[in-house]
Amino acid sequence: MTSSRSSHRLSFVVLCFVPFLTFVVVAAHALRIPGVHQAIGVAYIVMIAVAAWKLGARALRTAAPVPRLLALAGALLISPFALVSLLWIGLGGPWQATVPENQMRYLVLMVMGAAIVTGFVVLREALREAGERFYSTLGFTPILLSGPIYLIWNAFAWGVYFGKEHTGQVPQAILSLDPTLDVILDLGVLLTYLATAAFAVSLGKVGWLGRGAARAYLGVCLVAIVFLMIRGLAYPDPRALSTPWYTNPGFIVGIPAVPYIMPFLLGVVLLRRAGEQQDQD
């Protein structure tokens, strides 16, 4: 029993660090060496899969509906960063990657968005089983809206690099839409933060997330929204900033993959709860 608890605790800590470590290794462009970044990516995703299984993903095999739903929701919410860890090692920013790599980047972001939306839909069902309907419904609406918005923005971003690859330049039709696309991205990011905040409160109401932790999730999401609003609608060019992009909070919270950090961490909590409920059963 003690060994099992230690394993669960270690898996929980490892998974909590994954999104932050991922941003470090993704930004380390020197790692983008053929053969090297693929090996690191495979090792990384195996580590995530093993930790997730030990923590609670094994509850997918149980017949009990709530632990099974929690495990499925948790697995879906953490899967985007598992995909990033496999494919984005050393990728760097869009201004550093090659045209084919950037096409892959935005295809991955489309899959990430679909996984997050599906994860929250499954989580809503688990919360309804537990009797919480108000806040889960408040979170359900914005996440359903943010999914298509992200899909549209990423499709246009993919089109930029598709045009570069085949014609050597960005299609003029897409260039003319730049201001509109900035607004679309901001709206998708905003809705994702709002949905995450609402689901965190909902999890707190049923006791699957501690009261202090629920408030922390809510606070972080609200602060991110404030930074987003202070920055304004136009997404800045990182090369035109007077300071490095990683010192600009408004830029960071608007990076398309950053809003998925909080859902990832919620997914880790859900896996832990699924494992605990399975052990009790």
C-alpha atoms as a PDB file:
ATOM      1  CA  MET A   1       0.000   0.000   0.000  1.00  0.00           C
ATOM      2  CA  THR A   2       2.798   2.435   0.917  1.00  0.00           C
ATOM      3  CA  SER A   3       4.625   1.586  -2.308  1.00  0.00           C
ATOM      4  CA  SER A   4       1.426   2.196  -4.296  1.00  0.00           C
ATOM      5  CA  ARG A   5       0.852   5.583  -2.660  1.00  0.00           C
ATOM      6  CA  SER A   6       4.449   6.597  -3.332  1.00  0.00           C
ATOM      7  CA  SER A   7       4.038   5.582  -6.980  1.00  0.00           C
ATOM      8  CA  HIS A   8       0.822   7.616  -7.244  1.00  0.00           C
ATOM      9  CA  ARG A   9       2.468  10.632  -5.637  1.00  0.00           C
ATOM     10  CA  LEU A  10       5.492  10.444  -7.938  1.00  0.00           C
ATOM     11  CA  SER A  11       3.255  10.087 -11.013  1.00  0.00           C
ATOM     12  CA  PHE A  12       1.207  13.098  -9.907  1.00  0.00           C
ATOM     13  CA  VAL A  13       4.306  15.268  -9.442  1.00  0.00           C
ATOM     14  CA  VAL A  14       5.801  14.159 -12.784  1.00  0.00           C
ATOM     15  CA  LEU A  15       2.614  14.975 -14.683  1.00  0.00           C
ATOM     16  CA  CYS A  16       2.232  18.366 -12.988  1.00  0.00           C
ATOM     17  CA  PHE A  17       5.677  19.360 -14.254  1.00  0.00           C
ATOM     18  CA  VAL A  18       5.103  18.111 -17.819  1.00  0.00           C
ATOM     19  CA  PRO A  19       3.574  21.253 -19.425  1.00  0.00           C
ATOM     20  CA  PHE A  20       6.237  23.558 -17.977  1.00  0.00           C
ATOM     21  CA  LEU A  21       9.129  21.258 -18.883  1.00  0.00           C
ATOM     22  CA  THR A  22       7.568  20.838 -22.329  1.00  0.00           C
ATOM     23  CA  PHE A  23       7.765  24.563 -23.037  1.00  0.00           C
ATOM     24  CA  VAL A  24      11.442  24.513 -22.094  1.00  0.00           C
ATOM     25  CA  VAL A  25      12.374  21.630 -24.389  1.00  0.00           C
ATOM     26  CA  VAL A  26      10.177  22.942 -27.201  1.00  0.00           C
ATOM     27  CA  ALA A  27      11.904  26.330 -27.013  1.00  0.00           C
ATOM     28  CA  ALA A  28      15.365  24.712 -27.017  1.00  0.00           C
ATOM     29  CA  HIS A  29      15.850  24.884 -30.788  1.00  0.00           C
ATOM     30  CA  ALA A  30      19.301  23.283 -30.500  1.00  0.00           C
ATOM     31  CA  LEU A  31      17.534  19.968 -29.780  1.00  0.00           C
ATOM     32  CA  ARG A  32      16.009  19.927 -33.280  1.00  0.00           C
ATOM     33  CA  ILE A  33      18.546  17.445 -34.603  1.00  0.00           C
ATOM     34  CA  PRO A  34      17.317  14.569 -36.809  1.00  0.00           C
ATOM     35  CA  GLY A  35      17.220  11.401 -34.746  1.00  0.00           C
ATOM     36  CA  VAL A  36      17.796  13.237 -31.466  1.00  0.00           C
ATOM     37  CA  HIS A  37      14.512  15.111 -31.096  1.00  0.00           C
ATOM     38  CA  GLN A  38      12.533  12.023 -32.169  1.00  0.00           C
ATOM     39  CA  ALA A  39      14.272   9.880 -29.520  1.00  0.00           C
ATOM     40  CA  ILE A  40      13.651  12.496 -26.832  1.00  0.00           C
ATOM     41  CA  GLY A  41      10.024  12.791 -27.916  1.00  0.00           C
ATOM     42  CA  VAL A  42       9.409   9.033 -27.726  1.00  0.00           C
ATOM     43  CA  ALA A  43      11.029   8.835 -24.270  1.00  0.00           C
ATOM     44  CA  TYR A  44       8.974  11.837 -23.154  1.00  0.00           C
ATOM     45  CA  ILE A  45       5.617  10.426 -24.284  1.00  0.00           C
ATOM     46  CA  VAL A  46       6.391   7.017 -22.743  1.00  0.00           C
ATOM     47  CA  MET A  47       7.104   8.775 -19.435  1.00  0.00           C
ATOM     48  CA  ILE A  48       3.758  10.614 -19.639  1.00  0.00           C
ATOM     49  CA  ALA A  49       1.844   7.451 -20.562  1.00  0.00           C
ATOM     50  CA  VAL A  50       3.343   5.404 -17.722  1.00  0.00           C
ATOM     51  CA  ALA A  51       2.738   8.160 -15.160  1.00  0.00           C
ATOM     52  CA  ALA A  52      -0.854   8.649 -16.353  1.00  0.00           C
ATOM     53  CA  TRP A  53      -1.578   4.918 -16.178  1.00  0.00           C
ATOM     54  CA  LYS A  54      -0.168   4.552 -12.687  1.00  0.00           C
ATOM     55  CA  LEU A  55      -1.995   7.652 -11.476  1.00  0.00           C
ATOM     56  CA  GLY A  56      -5.463   6.709 -12.641  1.00  0.00           C
ATOM     57  CA  ALA A  57      -5.850   6.038 -16.374  1.00  0.00           C
ATOM     58  CA  ARG A  58      -6.124   2.336 -15.485  1.00  0.00           C
ATOM     59  CA  ALA A  59      -9.642   3.163 -14.252  1.00  0.00           C
ATOM     60  CA  LEU A  60     -10.682   3.104 -17.931  1.00  0.00           C
ATOM     61  CA  ARG A  61     -10.933  -0.683 -17.454  1.00  0.00           C
ATOM     62  CA  THR A  62     -13.414  -0.442 -14.575  1.00  0.00           C
ATOM     63  CA  ALA A  63     -17.174  -0.823 -14.970  1.00  0.00           C
ATOM     64  CA  ALA A  64     -17.936   1.921 -12.423  1.00  0.00           C
ATOM     65  CA  PRO A  65     -19.248   4.883 -14.477  1.00  0.00           C
ATOM     66  CA  VAL A  66     -17.814   7.848 -12.546  1.00  0.00           C
ATOM     67  CA  PRO A  67     -14.174   6.651 -12.214  1.00  0.00           C
ATOM     68  CA  ARG A  68     -14.277   5.588 -15.852  1.00  0.00           C
ATOM     69  CA  LEU A  69     -15.552   8.993 -16.990  1.00  0.00           C
ATOM     70  CA  LEU A  70     -12.978  10.755 -14.821  1.00  0.00           C
ATOM     71  CA  ALA A  71     -10.177   8.640 -16.275  1.00  0.00           C
ATOM     72  CA  LEU A  72     -11.349   9.268 -19.838  1.00  0.00           C
ATOM     73  CA  ALA A  73     -11.712  13.017 -19.262  1.00  0.00           C
ATOM     74  CA  GLY A  74      -8.304  13.173 -17.597  1.00  0.00           C
ATOM     75  CA  ALA A  75      -6.627  11.206 -20.389  1.00  0.00           C
ATOM     76  CA  LEU A  76      -8.156  13.475 -23.039  1.00  0.00           C
ATOM     77  CA  LEU A  77      -7.149  16.666 -21.215  1.00  0.00           C
ATOM     78  CA  ILE A  78      -3.520  15.601 -20.851  1.00  0.00           C
ATOM     79  CA  SER A  79      -3.214  14.080 -24.329  1.00  0.00           C
ATOM     80  CA  PRO A  80      -2.509  17.412 -26.122  1.00  0.00           C
ATOM     81  CA  PHE A  81       0.778  17.923 -24.272  1.00  0.00           C
ATOM     82  CA  ALA A  82       1.698  14.282 -24.821  1.00  0.00           C
ATOM     83  CA  LEU A  83       1.340  14.937 -28.556  1.00  0.00           C
ATOM     84  CA  VAL A  84       3.354  18.157 -28.267  1.00  0.00           C
ATOM     85  CA  SER A  85       6.062  16.333 -26.302  1.00  0.00           C
ATOM     86  CA  LEU A  86       6.362  13.783 -29.076  1.00  0.00           C
ATOM     87  CA  LEU A  87       6.409  16.125 -32.082  1.00  0.00           C
ATOM     88  CA  TRP A  88       7.583  19.568 -30.938  1.00  0.00           C
ATOM     89  CA  ILE A  89      10.929  18.886 -29.238  1.00  0.00           C
ATOM     90  CA  GLY A  90      13.231  21.769 -30.231  1.00  0.00           C
ATOM     91  CA  LEU A  91      10.672  23.198 -32.640  1.00  0.00           C
ATOM     92  CA  GLY A  92      10.935  26.730 -31.267  1.00  0.00           C
ATOM     93  CA  GLY A  93       8.647  29.558 -32.345  1.00  0.00           C
ATOM     94  CA  PRO A  94       7.028  29.788 -35.791  1.00  0.00           C
ATOM     95  CA  TRP A  95       9.809  32.187 -36.805  1.00  0.00           C
ATOM     96  CA  GLN A  96      12.417  29.475 -36.061  1.00  0.00           C
ATOM     97  CA  ALA A  97      10.776  26.374 -37.536  1.00  0.00           C
ATOM     98  CA  THR A  98      10.784  25.339 -41.185  1.00  0.00           C
ATOM     99  CA  VAL A  99       7.682  25.671 -43.348  1.00  0.00           C
ATOM    100  CA  PRO A 100       6.803  21.913 -43.165  1.00  0.00           C
ATOM    101  CA  GLU A 101       7.348  21.983 -39.372  1.00  0.00           C
ATOM    102  CA  ASN A 102       4.970  24.908 -39.048  1.00  0.00           C
ATOM    103  CA  GLN A 103       2.336  23.106 -41.097  1.00  0.00           C
ATOM    104  CA  MET A 104       2.686  20.213 -38.658  1.00  0.00           C
ATOM    105  CA  ARG A 105       2.479  22.686 -35.736  1.00  0.00           C
ATOM    106  CA  TYR A 106      -0.964  23.930 -36.704  1.00  0.00           C
ATOM    107  CA  LEU A 107      -2.298  20.487 -37.560  1.00  0.00           C
ATOM    108  CA  VAL A 108      -1.257  19.395 -34.049  1.00  0.00           C
ATOM    109  CA  LEU A 109      -2.990  22.440 -32.574  1.00  0.00           C
ATOM    110  CA  MET A 110      -6.203  21.399 -34.345  1.00  0.00           C
ATOM    111  CA  VAL A 111      -5.975  17.944 -32.752  1.00  0.00           C
ATOM    112  CA  MET A 112      -5.186  19.531 -29.376  1.00  0.00           C
ATOM    113  CA  GLY A 113      -8.296  21.696 -29.573  1.00  0.00           C
ATOM    114  CA  ALA A 114     -10.499  18.716 -30.433  1.00  0.00           C
ATOM    115  CA  ALA A 115      -9.052  16.684 -27.535  1.00  0.00           C
ATOM    116  CA  ILE A 116      -9.620  19.496 -25.015  1.00  0.00           C
ATOM    117  CA  VAL A 117     -13.234  20.016 -26.102  1.00  0.00           C
ATOM    118  CA  THR A 118     -13.947  16.282 -25.971  1.00  0.00           C
ATOM    119  CA  GLY A 119     -12.299  16.015 -22.557  1.00  0.00           C
ATOM    120  CA  PHE A 120     -14.482  18.768 -21.121  1.00  0.00           C
ATOM    121  CA  VAL A 121     -17.616  17.225 -22.651  1.00  0.00           C
ATOM    122  CA  VAL A 122     -16.808  13.922 -20.908  1.00  0.00           C
ATOM    123  CA  LEU A 123     -16.025  15.791 -17.683  1.00  0.00           C
ATOM    124  CA  ARG A 124     -19.433  17.470 -17.823  1.00  0.00           C
ATOM    125  CA  GLU A 125     -21.072  14.041 -17.925  1.00  0.00           C
ATOM    126  CA  ALA A 126     -19.072  12.953 -14.862  1.00  0.00           C
ATOM    127  CA  LEU A 127     -20.060  16.123 -13.015  1.00  0.00           C
ATOM    128  CA  ARG A 128     -23.714  15.592 -13.902  1.00  0.00           C
ATOM    129  CA  GLU A 129     -23.437  12.067 -12.477  1.00  0.00           C
ATOM    130  CA  ALA A 130     -22.108  13.676  -9.276  1.00  0.00           C
ATOM    131  CA  GLY A 131     -25.031  16.135  -9.191  1.00  0.00           C
ATOM    132  CA  GLU A 132     -23.253  19.361 -10.224  1.00  0.00           C
ATOM    133  CA  ARG A 133     -24.999  20.983 -13.185  1.00  0.00           C
ATOM    134  CA  PHE A 134     -24.788  24.759 -12.813  1.00  0.00           C
ATOM    135  CA  TYR A 135     -21.060  25.515 -13.140  1.00  0.00           C
ATOM    136  CA  SER A 136     -20.425  22.594 -15.479  1.00  0.00           C
ATOM    137  CA  THR A 137     -23.042  24.075 -17.818  1.00  0.00           C
ATOM    138  CA  LEU A 138     -21.384  27.490 -17.545  1.00  0.00           C
ATOM    139  CA  GLY A 139     -18.119  25.872 -18.642  1.00  0.00           C
ATOM    140  CA  PHE A 140     -19.712  23.688 -21.299  1.00  0.00           C
ATOM    141  CA  THR A 141     -20.969  26.562 -23.471  1.00  0.00           C
ATOM    142  CA  PRO A 142     -17.671  28.479 -23.906  1.00  0.00           C
ATOM    143  CA  ILE A 143     -15.641  25.325 -24.562  1.00  0.00           C
ATOM    144  CA  LEU A 144     -18.063  24.264 -27.296  1.00  0.00           C
ATOM    145  CA  LEU A 145     -17.607  27.683 -28.887  1.00  0.00           C
ATOM    146  CA  SER A 146     -13.822  27.801 -28.489  1.00  0.00           C
ATOM    147  CA  GLY A 147     -13.312  24.485 -30.313  1.00  0.00           C
ATOM    148  CA  PRO A 148     -14.606  25.658 -33.721  1.00  0.00           C
ATOM    149  CA  ILE A 149     -12.923  29.054 -33.247  1.00  0.00           C
ATOM    150  CA  TYR A 150      -9.535  27.400 -32.685  1.00  0.00           C
ATOM    151  CA  LEU A 151     -10.169  25.141 -35.672  1.00  0.00           C
ATOM    152  CA  ILE A 152     -10.851  28.135 -37.925  1.00  0.00           C
ATOM    153  CA  TRP A 153      -7.794  30.076 -36.746  1.00  0.00           C
ATOM    154  CA  ASN A 154      -5.459  27.094 -37.041  1.00  0.00           C
ATOM    155  CA  ALA A 155      -6.814  26.286 -40.500  1.00  0.00           C
ATOM    156  CA  PHE A 156      -5.892  29.791 -41.674  1.00  0.00           C
ATOM    157  CA  ALA A 157      -2.489  29.584 -39.958  1.00  0.00           C
ATOM    158  CA  TRP A 158      -1.863  26.264 -41.723  1.00  0.00           C
ATOM    159  CA  GLY A 159      -2.904  27.917 -44.995  1.00  0.00           C
ATOM    160  CA  VAL A 160      -0.217  30.582 -44.503  1.00  0.00           C
ATOM    161  CA  TYR A 161       2.555  27.986 -44.510  1.00  0.00           C
ATOM    162  CA  PHE A 162       0.914  25.870 -47.192  1.00  0.00           C
ATOM    163  CA  GLY A 163       0.998  28.950 -49.421  1.00  0.00           C
ATOM    164  CA  LYS A 164       4.636  29.619 -48.506  1.00  0.00           C
ATOM    165  CA  GLU A 165       5.597  26.076 -49.399  1.00  0.00           C
ATOM    166  CA  HIS A 166       3.880  26.023 -52.801  1.00  0.00           C
ATOM    167  CA  THR A 167       4.102  29.635 -53.989  1.00  0.00           C
ATOM    168  CA  GLY A 168       6.877  31.088 -51.835  1.00  0.00           C
ATOM    169  CA  GLN A 169       4.618  33.720 -50.294  1.00  0.00           C
ATOM    170  CA  VAL A 170       1.615  34.138 -48.005  1.00  0.00           C
ATOM    171  CA  PRO A 171      -1.655  34.226 -49.968  1.00  0.00           C
ATOM    172  CA  GLN A 172      -2.898  37.825 -50.201  1.00  0.00           C
ATOM    173  CA  ALA A 173      -6.403  36.749 -49.201  1.00  0.00           C
ATOM    174  CA  ILE A 174      -5.099  35.508 -45.840  1.00  0.00           C
ATOM    175  CA  LEU A 175      -2.896  38.572 -45.294  1.00  0.00           C
ATOM    176  CA  SER A 176      -5.936  40.821 -45.640  1.00  0.00           C
ATOM    177  CA  LEU A 177      -7.624  38.870 -42.840  1.00  0.00           C
ATOM    178  CA  ASP A 178      -4.812  39.386 -40.298  1.00  0.00           C
ATOM    179  CA  PRO A 179      -6.731  41.800 -37.993  1.00  0.00           C
ATOM    180  CA  THR A 180      -9.790  39.537 -38.028  1.00  0.00           C
ATOM    181  CA  LEU A 181      -7.716  36.435 -37.311  1.00  0.00           C
ATOM    182  CA  ASP A 182      -6.123  38.170 -34.304  1.00  0.00           C
ATOM    183  CA  VAL A 183      -9.599  38.785 -32.884  1.00  0.00           C
ATOM    184  CA  ILE A 184     -10.620  35.175 -33.595  1.00  0.00           C
ATOM    185  CA  LEU A 185      -7.563  33.842 -31.758  1.00  0.00           C
ATOM    186  CA  ASP A 186      -8.150  36.126 -28.771  1.00  0.00           C
ATOM    187  CA  LEU A 187     -11.777  34.999 -28.584  1.00  0.00           C
ATOM    188  CA  GLY A 188     -10.814  31.320 -28.649  1.00  0.00           C
ATOM    189  CA  VAL A 189      -8.184  31.846 -25.951  1.00  0.00           C
ATOM    190  CA  LEU A 190     -10.604  33.880 -23.795  1.00  0.00           C
ATOM    191  CA  LEU A 191     -13.343  31.241 -24.030  1.00  0.00           C
ATOM    192  CA  THR A 192     -10.890  28.480 -23.101  1.00  0.00           C
ATOM    193  CA  TYR A 193      -9.828  30.333 -19.949  1.00  0.00           C
ATOM    194  CA  LEU A 194     -13.473  30.989 -19.029  1.00  0.00           C
ATOM    195  CA  ALA A 195     -14.423  27.334 -19.529  1.00  0.00           C
ATOM    196  CA  THR A 196     -11.471  26.126 -17.468  1.00  0.00           C
ATOM    197  CA  ALA A 197     -12.373  28.496 -14.632  1.00  0.00           C
ATOM    198  CA  ALA A 198     -15.998  27.333 -14.595  1.00  0.00           C
ATOM    199  CA  PHE A 199     -15.066  23.647 -14.606  1.00  0.00           C
ATOM    200  CA  ALA A 200     -12.545  24.212 -11.803  1.00  0.00           C
ATOM    201  CA  VAL A 201     -15.296  25.751  -9.655  1.00  0.00           C
ATOM    202  CA  SER A 202     -17.593  22.854 -10.575  1.00  0.00           C
ATOM    203  CA  LEU A 203     -14.935  20.331  -9.500  1.00  0.00           C
ATOM    204  CA  GLY A 204     -14.582  22.211  -6.233  1.00  0.00           C
ATOM    205  CA  LYS A 205     -18.334  21.978  -5.621  1.00  0.00           C
ATOM    206  CA  VAL A 206     -18.315  18.164  -5.804  1.00  0.00           C
ATOM    207  CA  GLY A 207     -15.108  17.833  -3.791  1.00  0.00           C
ATOM    208  CA  TRP A 208     -12.920  16.499  -6.601  1.00  0.00           C
ATOM    209  CA  LEU A 209     -10.765  19.608  -6.310  1.00  0.00           C
ATOM    210  CA  GLY A 210      -9.867  21.262  -3.011  1.00  0.00           C
ATOM    211  CA  ARG A 211     -11.507  24.601  -2.266  1.00  0.00           C
ATOM    212  CA  GLY A 212      -8.153  26.408  -2.228  1.00  0.00           C
ATOM    213  CA  ALA A 213      -7.063  24.728  -5.473  1.00  0.00           C
ATOM    214  CA  ALA A 214     -10.351  25.653  -7.165  1.00  0.00           C
ATOM    215  CA  ARG A 215      -9.835  29.278  -6.163  1.00  0.00           C
ATOM    216  CA  ALA A 216      -6.261  29.139  -7.455  1.00  0.00           C
ATOM    217  CA  TYR A 217      -7.432  27.830 -10.857  1.00  0.00           C
ATOM    218  CA  LEU A 218     -10.097  30.526 -10.974  1.00  0.00           C
ATOM    219  CA  GLY A 219      -7.579  33.226 -10.033  1.00  0.00           C
ATOM    220  CA  VAL A 220      -4.973  32.162 -12.599  1.00  0.00           C
ATOM    221  CA  CYS A 221      -7.576  32.051 -15.380  1.00  0.00           C
ATOM    222  CA  LEU A 222      -8.906  35.497 -14.464  1.00  0.00           C
ATOM    223  CA  VAL A 223      -5.383  36.966 -14.325  1.00  0.00           C
ATOM    224  CA  ALA A 224      -4.660  35.477 -17.756  1.00  0.00           C
ATOM    225  CA  ILE A 225      -7.831  37.103 -19.098  1.00  0.00           C
ATOM    226  CA  VAL A 226      -6.778  40.458 -17.634  1.00  0.00           C
ATOM    227  CA  PHE A 227      -3.328  40.207 -19.282  1.00  0.00           C
ATOM    228  CA  LEU A 228      -5.039  39.308 -22.539  1.00  0.00           C
ATOM    229  CA  MET A 229      -7.289  42.366 -22.337  1.00  0.00           C
ATOM    230  CA  ILE A 230      -4.420  44.697 -21.399  1.00  0.00           C
ATOM    231  CA  ARG A 231      -2.432  43.478 -24.406  1.00  0.00           C
ATOM    232  CA  GLY A 232      -5.247  44.368 -26.783  1.00  0.00           C
ATOM    233  CA  LEU A 233      -6.718  42.672 -29.836  1.00  0.00           C
ATOM    234  CA  ALA A 234      -3.651  42.818 -32.081  1.00  0.00           C
ATOM    235  CA  TYR A 235      -1.323  39.870 -31.487  1.00  0.00           C
ATOM    236  CA  PRO A 236       2.204  41.346 -31.363  1.00  0.00           C
ATOM    237  CA  ASP A 237       5.044  40.180 -33.568  1.00  0.00           C
ATOM    238  CA  PRO A 238       7.633  38.756 -31.100  1.00  0.00           C
ATOM    239  CA  ARG A 239      10.445  40.066 -33.290  1.00  0.00           C
ATOM    240  CA  ALA A 240       9.068  43.598 -32.987  1.00  0.00           C
ATOM    241  CA  LEU A 241       8.776  43.606 -29.187  1.00  0.00           C
ATOM    242  CA  SER A 242      11.139  45.885 -27.253  1.00  0.00           C
ATOM    243  CA  THR A 243      11.726  43.102 -24.708  1.00  0.00           C
ATOM    244  CA  PRO A 244      11.979  39.289 -25.171  1.00  0.00           C
ATOM    245  CA  TRP A 245       8.573  37.672 -25.730  1.00  0.00           C
ATOM    246  CA  TYR A 246       8.930  35.486 -22.626  1.00  0.00           C
ATOM    247  CA  THR A 247       8.926  38.635 -20.445  1.00  0.00           C
ATOM    248  CA  ASN A 248       5.631  39.852 -21.928  1.00  0.00           C
ATOM    249  CA  PRO A 249       2.659  38.345 -19.993  1.00  0.00           C
ATOM    250  CA  GLY A 250       0.119  39.466 -22.601  1.00  0.00           C
ATOM    251  CA  PHE A 251       2.039  37.672 -25.333  1.00  0.00           C
ATOM    252  CA  ILE A 252       2.515  34.496 -23.264  1.00  0.00           C
ATOM    253  CA  VAL A 253      -1.139  34.021 -22.236  1.00  0.00           C
ATOM    254  CA  GLY A 254      -2.189  34.419 -25.875  1.00  0.00           C
ATOM    255  CA  ILE A 255       0.117  31.721 -27.284  1.00  0.00           C
ATOM    256  CA  PRO A 256      -2.360  29.182 -28.742  1.00  0.00           C
ATOM    257  CA  ALA A 257      -1.065  26.233 -26.669  1.00  0.00           C
ATOM    258  CA  VAL A 258      -0.763  28.104 -23.342  1.00  0.00           C
ATOM    259  CA  PRO A 259      -4.500  28.081 -22.435  1.00  0.00           C
ATOM    260  CA  TYR A 260      -4.288  24.281 -22.543  1.00  0.00           C
ATOM    261  CA  ILE A 261      -1.929  24.209 -19.539  1.00  0.00           C
ATOM    262  CA  MET A 262      -4.744  24.667 -17.014  1.00  0.00           C
ATOM    263  CA  PRO A 263      -6.965  21.957 -18.580  1.00  0.00           C
ATOM    264  CA  PHE A 264      -3.897  19.670 -18.549  1.00  0.00           C
ATOM    265  CA  LEU A 265      -3.460  20.224 -14.816  1.00  0.00           C
ATOM    266  CA  LEU A 266      -7.178  19.601 -14.272  1.00  0.00           C
ATOM    267  CA  GLY A 267      -6.713  16.370 -16.215  1.00  0.00           C
ATOM    268  CA  VAL A 268      -3.964  15.299 -13.814  1.00  0.00           C
ATOM    269  CA  VAL A 269      -6.321  15.917 -10.875  1.00  0.00           C
ATOM    270  CA  LEU A 270      -9.058  13.893 -12.597  1.00  0.00           C
ATOM    271  CA  LEU A 271      -6.715  10.952 -13.142  1.00  0.00           C
ATOM    272  CA  ARG A 272      -5.770  11.023  -9.463  1.00  0.00           C
ATOM    273  CA  ARG A 273      -9.441  11.060  -8.436  1.00  0.00           C
ATOM    274  CA  ALA A 274     -10.214   8.226 -10.852  1.00  0.00           C
ATOM    275  CA  GLY A 275      -7.411   6.126  -9.361  1.00  0.00           C
ATOM    276  CA  GLU A 276      -8.549   6.855  -5.809  1.00  0.00           C
ATOM    277  CA  GLN A 277     -12.176   5.965  -6.560  1.00  0.00           C
ATOM    278  CA  GLN A 278     -11.145   2.767  -8.318  1.00  0.00           C
ATOM    279  CA  ASP A 279      -9.011   1.751  -5.326  1.00  0.00           C
ATOM    280  CA  GLN A 280     -11.960   2.415  -2.976  1.00  0.00           C
ATOM    281  CA  ASP A 281     -14.241   0.274  -5.114  1.00  0.00           C
END
